[in-house]
Amino acid sequence: MNALILSAVLGVIMMFSGLLLKQKSNLRHLATAGLFLLFVANLLEMSGITFFSINVGSMMHFDRFALLFNSVIFFSTFVYFLLSARDIERTGSYYAEYFALIFFILCGVVLATSFTSLLILFLGIEIISIPLYILTGSDKKNLRSNEASLKYFLLGAFSTGLMLMGIALIYGSAGSFDTAQINVAAKPGTLMIAGMILLLFSMAFKVSAAPFHFWTPDVYDGAPTVFTSFMATIVKVAVFVAFIRLFYEAFGRLQQQWQIWIALITAATLLIGNITAVFQQSVKRMLAYSSIAQAGFMLMAIYAMNMDGKEGLLIYSAAYSLATIGIFAVLIKMNDYTFDGFNGLAKQEPLLAATTAIFLLSLAGIPLTGGFIAKFKMLESVIATGKNFWLVIFAVLMAAVSVYYYFRVIQAMYFKDGPARVIPISPVFKGTLVALAVLIILLGIFPELLLNWFYF
């Protein structure tokens, strides 16, 4: 509850701060300080200290699962502000409103991770989505940004229709919006199965899982890069937490009916995301398809429906978010988004190239990085189910394919010559990247530092 109220208040404060604070740096510092306060307030609630007490009935539950994932999301957003807040200001004239929209999205994140009613799930998803439509089209002079925003809005509205229809059918079958009561009443009847499938398709769209991924490359590529970073990490992780909560708590008794659907969607997502990423010539578009492939691994947590899956999703959320925020922060500083634009970067900016390499190695799942432990945990969760081992083998093969396109960037930085053009970078930015790279390595060597929080 701390984070829910505080994020909404901070969003309102940022809206009015645009009128009161004229210097961009003051707005940036206010937003960063507010985000740090939000992170601390969530940690305090994990320790049992709450500042707000509002009776939400049985519609929300702020358990350790939700609070821990919220902490990962808020910390990732804090890192995002440290690296990219200046770039948010350069996007347009309404920079205070951009920060306000991000805080409102975080308010929706808290709803989506803490719901016990399908009505709260719907509200959370929509509070996340609507500001994203605006941020995607925030570069008003760029036709690609406008097109991406329109496409995202139209397809998002269609996805919302599927979700509402699914909720209506489930209510008709179970007579309740409460996830626990739905699970008790869950029987493989026509209404329940139809509603569950519609919700599955809607949530698959939100996390850009195949075959509902078609919007992702165009939207991620057309949106301002600084907001693509936010969409591909914080937002994706938040919706995955809602996804796993929905199917564990509402449809757990129907696992036999939906597990094969998740397996097929996972395989299709891994295949389409990785194979298509191989043929991209733009690093930004490659990262868009890469995010689809990474979603395939995260779907394994939903398929497995066990504690290994939850632990894997926690590590994956942290490792994937931090590495992707880091690589996008570097990409923003590049004048050329093609692979050739990275040629010779190691000679001109060795520190920048080294941290970028660590981020890419983590995304590829190379040992001693957080990404390796995350992928290992996901595969372990599927193995623990004792069936469909083909999915594990297929995921390993697709992970091997991903190494190719991630290493293309590393090859360009270290083994090719060229005038990599980089926007001037401050020492603080470089220091933050180094700290982020060290954190990713620590997560790969000592994952229990994060996993232990599940059991305190």
Foldseek 3Di string as FASTA:
>chain_A
DQLLVLLLVLLVVLQCVVVVPPDLVVSLVSLLVSLVVSLVQLVVVLVVDHDDDDCPDQFWDDDLLLSLLLNLLSVLVSLLSLLCLVVCVVQDPPSSNLSSLVSQLSSLLSQLLTGQFLVSVLVSVVSNQPSLLCQQLSNVVAVLSVVLSVVSVVLLVVLSVLLVQLQVLLCVQQVGRGQQSLQVSDDPDDSNLSSVVSNVLSLCLQLLFPPNNVSQLSSQVSGDLSVSLVSLASSNLSSLSSVLCNCLRRVVVVLVVCLVVLLVSLLRQLVQLLVVLLPDFFQSSSVSSLSSNLVSLLSLLSNLSDVLSSLLSSLSNNLLSLLSSLLSSQCSFFPGRGLLLLAQQCVVPVLSLVLNLLSLCLSLLPALFSNVVSSVSSLVSNVVSVDDNVSSVSSVVSSVSSVVSSVSSNCRHPPGHDDNHGHDDDPSSSVSSVVSSVVRSCCRVCVCVSVVSVPD
